[in-house]
Each structure stands twice: as C-alpha cells, then as structure tokens.
Amino acid sequence: MDGLTKTVAFRVEPGQWVNFERVAAANGVETAELLRELVAHSDSIFRAIKT
C-alpha cells in the first residue's frame, strides 16, 4: 500500500488519524462520535453547495 489507511469512502494518512484521535480524547468524546459530527457537517455543506 502507499502509506495511507484505506476506508470505504476515503483514505486517511495514519499521522492525521492519530491527530483526530487526540482531538477526540481532548474533547472527551469517542473518535466515532467526532467522526459522525464531521460527516454530518460535511453533508450539510455539500447540500448547501448543491442548492
């Protein structure tokens, strides 16, 4: 592989994922919860762009 972690929808650099986990821990939330929030905000941004 090319040094990136593959997911179904996108690829994440391992170092960036570690930073994401640190942000979640610093805010007292689970990584999955923070990821859900990110996806929800991204979805609403894309919907706004389409309209």
C-alpha atoms as a PDB file:
ATOM      1  CA  MET A   1       0.000   0.000   0.000  1.00  0.00           C
ATOM      2  CA  ASP A   2       1.078   3.640  -0.369  1.00  0.00           C
ATOM      3  CA  GLY A   3       1.336   4.527   3.340  1.00  0.00           C
ATOM      4  CA  LEU A   4      -2.314   5.504   3.657  1.00  0.00           C
ATOM      5  CA  THR A   5      -5.057   3.696   5.535  1.00  0.00           C
ATOM      6  CA  LYS A   6      -7.876   2.848   3.128  1.00  0.00           C
ATOM      7  CA  THR A   7     -11.502   3.148   4.133  1.00  0.00           C
ATOM      8  CA  VAL A   8     -14.642   2.600   2.111  1.00  0.00           C
ATOM      9  CA  ALA A   9     -15.114   6.281   1.250  1.00  0.00           C
ATOM     10  CA  PHE A  10     -11.709   7.903   1.601  1.00  0.00           C
ATOM     11  CA  ARG A  11      -8.084   7.423   2.559  1.00  0.00           C
ATOM     12  CA  VAL A  12      -6.548   8.827   5.724  1.00  0.00           C
ATOM     13  CA  GLU A  13      -2.880   9.368   6.430  1.00  0.00           C
ATOM     14  CA  PRO A  14      -2.007   7.484   9.633  1.00  0.00           C
ATOM     15  CA  GLY A  15      -0.490  10.574  11.277  1.00  0.00           C
ATOM     16  CA  GLN A  16      -3.612  12.596  10.602  1.00  0.00           C
ATOM     17  CA  TRP A  17      -5.794   9.872  12.108  1.00  0.00           C
ATOM     18  CA  VAL A  18      -3.690   9.964  15.277  1.00  0.00           C
ATOM     19  CA  ASN A  19      -4.280  13.726  15.462  1.00  0.00           C
ATOM     20  CA  PHE A  20      -8.008  13.146  15.003  1.00  0.00           C
ATOM     21  CA  GLU A  21      -7.980  10.643  17.881  1.00  0.00           C
ATOM     22  CA  ARG A  22      -6.119  13.153  20.069  1.00  0.00           C
ATOM     23  CA  VAL A  23      -8.694  15.854  19.353  1.00  0.00           C
ATOM     24  CA  ALA A  24     -11.498  13.462  20.266  1.00  0.00           C
ATOM     25  CA  ALA A  25      -9.794  12.497  23.532  1.00  0.00           C
ATOM     26  CA  ALA A  26      -9.053  16.131  24.391  1.00  0.00           C
ATOM     27  CA  ASN A  27     -12.743  16.940  23.957  1.00  0.00           C
ATOM     28  CA  GLY A  28     -13.895  13.938  25.967  1.00  0.00           C
ATOM     29  CA  VAL A  29     -15.666  12.186  23.096  1.00  0.00           C
ATOM     30  CA  GLU A  30     -15.188   8.905  21.296  1.00  0.00           C
ATOM     31  CA  THR A  31     -13.467   9.002  17.924  1.00  0.00           C
ATOM     32  CA  ALA A  32     -16.616   7.608  16.273  1.00  0.00           C
ATOM     33  CA  GLU A  33     -18.728  10.407  17.762  1.00  0.00           C
ATOM     34  CA  LEU A  34     -16.361  13.084  16.465  1.00  0.00           C
ATOM     35  CA  LEU A  35     -16.309  11.397  13.060  1.00  0.00           C
ATOM     36  CA  ARG A  36     -20.134  11.344  12.954  1.00  0.00           C
ATOM     37  CA  GLU A  37     -20.162  15.085  13.688  1.00  0.00           C
ATOM     38  CA  LEU A  38     -17.618  15.728  10.940  1.00  0.00           C
ATOM     39  CA  VAL A  39     -19.643  13.715   8.427  1.00  0.00           C
ATOM     40  CA  ALA A  40     -22.871  15.476   9.416  1.00  0.00           C
ATOM     41  CA  HIS A  41     -21.287  18.895   8.924  1.00  0.00           C
ATOM     42  CA  SER A  42     -19.735  17.826   5.625  1.00  0.00           C
ATOM     43  CA  ASP A  43     -23.094  16.517   4.398  1.00  0.00           C
ATOM     44  CA  SER A  44     -24.841  19.787   5.226  1.00  0.00           C
ATOM     45  CA  ILE A  45     -22.110  21.784   3.477  1.00  0.00           C
ATOM     46  CA  PHE A  46     -22.410  19.657   0.325  1.00  0.00           C
ATOM     47  CA  ARG A  47     -26.201  20.004   0.373  1.00  0.00           C
ATOM     48  CA  ALA A  48     -25.884  23.783   0.647  1.00  0.00           C
ATOM     49  CA  ILE A  49     -23.449  23.845  -2.272  1.00  0.00           C
ATOM     50  CA  LYS A  50     -25.843  21.820  -4.446  1.00  0.00           C
ATOM     51  CA  THR A  51     -28.741  24.248  -3.898  1.00  0.00           C
END
